[in-house]
Amino acid sequence: MKKEIDIALDLLASYVRRFGSIKVESIEEFRTHLQKNLLERYQGHWYLGKINVCFIFSFVCSIIIDKPIKGQAYRSLEFNKENDYCDVIVSQICNDLGFAPSLLGIRHDITLWIDPYEVTIRYIILS
């Protein structure tokens, strides 16, 4: 779980470094607090899929990992016009650290799904 959260936060932090207007030290503090929050939040909501392996004459012919989509909406971070381009969890972290979420510089529709074995991002640029 920590690995997937770290990957998602690396993506988010690189976006904030590029488009945001907060100091690098504040980005690292933000990342640390968000990581801690997500690790606690996802406890009990991390469902590992089954790994199915097909053997033919002692050779592995395929490995299938059932996509663990259970709880996927709970493990997503959403930034869109409806939430003023800041996920509720991220907004709370910003407020706790004493800066406005708008300073993150997020002005695109972004959704991050943090799942076992996979992090997916949807990035939409609106004109």
C-alpha atoms as a PDB file:
ATOM      1  CA  MET A   1       0.000   0.000   0.000  1.00  0.00           C
ATOM      2  CA  LYS A   2       2.799   2.423   0.874  1.00  0.00           C
ATOM      3  CA  LYS A   3       4.453   1.931  -2.512  1.00  0.00           C
ATOM      4  CA  GLU A   4       1.280   2.785  -4.431  1.00  0.00           C
ATOM      5  CA  ILE A   5       0.567   5.815  -2.229  1.00  0.00           C
ATOM      6  CA  ASP A   6       4.147   7.027  -2.752  1.00  0.00           C
ATOM      7  CA  ILE A   7       3.778   6.749  -6.532  1.00  0.00           C
ATOM      8  CA  ALA A   8       0.509   8.711  -6.488  1.00  0.00           C
ATOM      9  CA  LEU A   9       2.025  11.388  -4.249  1.00  0.00           C
ATOM     10  CA  ASP A  10       5.107  11.636  -6.492  1.00  0.00           C
ATOM     11  CA  LEU A  11       2.766  12.403  -9.397  1.00  0.00           C
ATOM     12  CA  LEU A  12       0.823  14.954  -7.375  1.00  0.00           C
ATOM     13  CA  ALA A  13       3.957  16.606  -5.957  1.00  0.00           C
ATOM     14  CA  SER A  14       5.530  16.944  -9.411  1.00  0.00           C
ATOM     15  CA  TYR A  15       2.363  18.651 -10.663  1.00  0.00           C
ATOM     16  CA  VAL A  16       2.376  21.037  -7.679  1.00  0.00           C
ATOM     17  CA  ARG A  17       6.089  21.817  -8.185  1.00  0.00           C
ATOM     18  CA  ARG A  18       5.346  22.757 -11.781  1.00  0.00           C
ATOM     19  CA  PHE A  19       2.079  24.680 -11.426  1.00  0.00           C
ATOM     20  CA  GLY A  20       1.783  25.566  -7.742  1.00  0.00           C
ATOM     21  CA  SER A  21       3.060  28.534  -5.820  1.00  0.00           C
ATOM     22  CA  ILE A  22       4.225  27.009  -2.560  1.00  0.00           C
ATOM     23  CA  LYS A  23       7.801  26.446  -1.426  1.00  0.00           C
ATOM     24  CA  VAL A  24       9.553  23.138  -2.004  1.00  0.00           C
ATOM     25  CA  GLU A  25       9.809  22.608   1.767  1.00  0.00           C
ATOM     26  CA  SER A  26       6.047  23.075   2.081  1.00  0.00           C
ATOM     27  CA  ILE A  27       5.442  20.593  -0.740  1.00  0.00           C
ATOM     28  CA  GLU A  28       7.498  17.986   1.109  1.00  0.00           C
ATOM     29  CA  GLU A  29       5.651  18.676   4.368  1.00  0.00           C
ATOM     30  CA  PHE A  30       2.336  18.475   2.486  1.00  0.00           C
ATOM     31  CA  ARG A  31       3.384  15.182   0.894  1.00  0.00           C
ATOM     32  CA  THR A  32       4.415  13.696   4.271  1.00  0.00           C
ATOM     33  CA  HIS A  33       1.139  14.664   5.955  1.00  0.00           C
ATOM     34  CA  LEU A  34      -0.955  13.420   3.042  1.00  0.00           C
ATOM     35  CA  GLN A  35       0.949  10.131   2.980  1.00  0.00           C
ATOM     36  CA  LYS A  36       0.307   9.584   6.696  1.00  0.00           C
ATOM     37  CA  ASN A  37      -3.377  10.422   6.255  1.00  0.00           C
ATOM     38  CA  LEU A  38      -3.842   8.078   3.290  1.00  0.00           C
ATOM     39  CA  LEU A  39      -1.996   5.200   4.983  1.00  0.00           C
ATOM     40  CA  GLU A  40      -4.354   5.495   7.957  1.00  0.00           C
ATOM     41  CA  ARG A  41      -7.430   6.028   5.783  1.00  0.00           C
ATOM     42  CA  TYR A  42      -6.831   3.030   3.532  1.00  0.00           C
ATOM     43  CA  GLN A  43      -6.351   0.559   6.404  1.00  0.00           C
ATOM     44  CA  GLY A  44      -9.229  -1.877   6.046  1.00  0.00           C
ATOM     45  CA  HIS A  45      -9.915  -0.676   2.497  1.00  0.00           C
ATOM     46  CA  TRP A  46      -7.010  -2.391   0.745  1.00  0.00           C
ATOM     47  CA  TYR A  47      -8.287  -5.484  -1.019  1.00  0.00           C
ATOM     48  CA  LEU A  48      -5.685  -7.654  -2.678  1.00  0.00           C
ATOM     49  CA  GLY A  49      -6.834  -9.649  -5.669  1.00  0.00           C
ATOM     50  CA  LYS A  50      -6.080 -13.293  -6.310  1.00  0.00           C
ATOM     51  CA  ILE A  51      -3.177 -14.338  -8.465  1.00  0.00           C
ATOM     52  CA  ASN A  52      -4.089 -17.116 -10.869  1.00  0.00           C
ATOM     53  CA  VAL A  53      -1.269 -18.975 -12.586  1.00  0.00           C
ATOM     54  CA  CYS A  54      -1.805 -21.404 -15.431  1.00  0.00           C
ATOM     55  CA  PHE A  55       0.730 -24.237 -15.753  1.00  0.00           C
ATOM     56  CA  ILE A  56       1.079 -26.360 -18.873  1.00  0.00           C
ATOM     57  CA  PHE A  57       3.767 -29.056 -18.825  1.00  0.00           C
ATOM     58  CA  SER A  58       5.580 -27.248 -16.000  1.00  0.00           C
ATOM     59  CA  PHE A  59       5.707 -23.962 -17.932  1.00  0.00           C
ATOM     60  CA  VAL A  60       3.914 -20.869 -16.766  1.00  0.00           C
ATOM     61  CA  CYS A  61       1.608 -19.863 -19.589  1.00  0.00           C
ATOM     62  CA  SER A  62      -0.081 -16.870 -17.988  1.00  0.00           C
ATOM     63  CA  ILE A  63      -0.370 -14.945 -14.778  1.00  0.00           C
ATOM     64  CA  ILE A  64      -3.621 -13.161 -14.126  1.00  0.00           C
ATOM     65  CA  ILE A  65      -4.094 -10.784 -11.243  1.00  0.00           C
ATOM     66  CA  ASP A  66      -7.735 -10.109 -10.509  1.00  0.00           C
ATOM     67  CA  LYS A  67      -8.082  -6.336 -10.525  1.00  0.00           C
ATOM     68  CA  PRO A  68      -8.980  -5.374  -6.991  1.00  0.00           C
ATOM     69  CA  ILE A  69     -11.566  -2.704  -7.756  1.00  0.00           C
ATOM     70  CA  LYS A  70     -13.412  -3.134  -4.465  1.00  0.00           C
ATOM     71  CA  GLY A  71     -13.070   0.163  -2.608  1.00  0.00           C
ATOM     72  CA  GLN A  72     -11.646   1.984  -5.621  1.00  0.00           C
ATOM     73  CA  ALA A  73     -13.798   5.106  -5.225  1.00  0.00           C
ATOM     74  CA  TYR A  74     -12.759   5.335  -1.569  1.00  0.00           C
ATOM     75  CA  ARG A  75      -9.103   5.213  -2.610  1.00  0.00           C
ATOM     76  CA  SER A  76      -9.314   8.002  -5.166  1.00  0.00           C
ATOM     77  CA  LEU A  77      -8.274  11.643  -5.059  1.00  0.00           C
ATOM     78  CA  GLU A  78     -10.416  13.891  -7.259  1.00  0.00           C
ATOM     79  CA  PHE A  79      -9.681  17.418  -8.419  1.00  0.00           C
ATOM     80  CA  ASN A  80     -12.417  19.002 -10.536  1.00  0.00           C
ATOM     81  CA  LYS A  81     -14.573  22.071 -10.954  1.00  0.00           C
ATOM     82  CA  GLU A  82     -17.247  20.662  -8.632  1.00  0.00           C
ATOM     83  CA  ASN A  83     -14.826  20.542  -5.676  1.00  0.00           C
ATOM     84  CA  ASP A  84     -12.971  23.735  -6.625  1.00  0.00           C
ATOM     85  CA  TYR A  85     -10.092  21.629  -8.005  1.00  0.00           C
ATOM     86  CA  CYS A  86      -9.170  20.176  -4.638  1.00  0.00           C
ATOM     87  CA  ASP A  87     -10.035  16.808  -3.136  1.00  0.00           C
ATOM     88  CA  VAL A  88     -11.595  17.009   0.342  1.00  0.00           C
ATOM     89  CA  ILE A  89      -8.712  15.113   1.980  1.00  0.00           C
ATOM     90  CA  VAL A  90      -6.088  17.236   0.232  1.00  0.00           C
ATOM     91  CA  SER A  91      -7.960  20.421   1.147  1.00  0.00           C
ATOM     92  CA  GLN A  92      -7.967  19.420   4.814  1.00  0.00           C
ATOM     93  CA  ILE A  93      -4.203  18.762   4.745  1.00  0.00           C
ATOM     94  CA  CYS A  94      -3.617  22.197   3.160  1.00  0.00           C
ATOM     95  CA  ASN A  95      -5.751  23.876   5.811  1.00  0.00           C
ATOM     96  CA  ASP A  96      -3.960  21.976   8.604  1.00  0.00           C
ATOM     97  CA  LEU A  97      -0.627  23.214   7.226  1.00  0.00           C
ATOM     98  CA  GLY A  98      -1.874  26.798   6.966  1.00  0.00           C
ATOM     99  CA  PHE A  99      -2.070  27.436   3.237  1.00  0.00           C
ATOM    100  CA  ALA A 100      -4.930  27.725   0.778  1.00  0.00           C
ATOM    101  CA  PRO A 101      -5.545  24.698  -1.469  1.00  0.00           C
ATOM    102  CA  SER A 102      -5.542  27.042  -4.474  1.00  0.00           C
ATOM    103  CA  LEU A 103      -1.778  27.485  -3.969  1.00  0.00           C
ATOM    104  CA  LEU A 104      -1.317  23.900  -5.195  1.00  0.00           C
ATOM    105  CA  GLY A 105      -2.002  25.294  -8.666  1.00  0.00           C
ATOM    106  CA  ILE A 106      -4.367  22.544  -9.747  1.00  0.00           C
ATOM    107  CA  ARG A 107      -6.600  23.828 -12.537  1.00  0.00           C
ATOM    108  CA  HIS A 108      -7.217  20.642 -14.495  1.00  0.00           C
ATOM    109  CA  ASP A 109      -9.572  17.756 -13.902  1.00  0.00           C
ATOM    110  CA  ILE A 110      -7.396  15.113 -12.278  1.00  0.00           C
ATOM    111  CA  THR A 111      -8.386  11.832 -10.683  1.00  0.00           C
ATOM    112  CA  LEU A 112      -5.873   9.510  -9.045  1.00  0.00           C
ATOM    113  CA  TRP A 113      -6.973   5.959  -8.259  1.00  0.00           C
ATOM    114  CA  ILE A 114      -4.686   4.266  -5.764  1.00  0.00           C
ATOM    115  CA  ASP A 115      -5.190   0.513  -5.947  1.00  0.00           C
ATOM    116  CA  PRO A 116      -3.155  -2.546  -5.005  1.00  0.00           C
ATOM    117  CA  TYR A 117      -0.437  -3.046  -7.645  1.00  0.00           C
ATOM    118  CA  GLU A 118      -1.637  -0.054  -9.666  1.00  0.00           C
ATOM    119  CA  VAL A 119      -1.948   3.728  -9.680  1.00  0.00           C
ATOM    120  CA  THR A 120      -4.048   5.258 -12.429  1.00  0.00           C
ATOM    121  CA  ILE A 121      -4.336   8.915 -13.329  1.00  0.00           C
ATOM    122  CA  ARG A 122      -6.966  10.620 -15.458  1.00  0.00           C
ATOM    123  CA  TYR A 123      -5.866  14.080 -16.553  1.00  0.00           C
ATOM    124  CA  ILE A 124      -8.267  16.244 -18.536  1.00  0.00           C
ATOM    125  CA  ILE A 125      -7.307  19.605 -19.984  1.00  0.00           C
ATOM    126  CA  LEU A 126     -10.351  21.796 -20.535  1.00  0.00           C
ATOM    127  CA  SER A 127     -10.129  24.710 -22.902  1.00  0.00           C
END
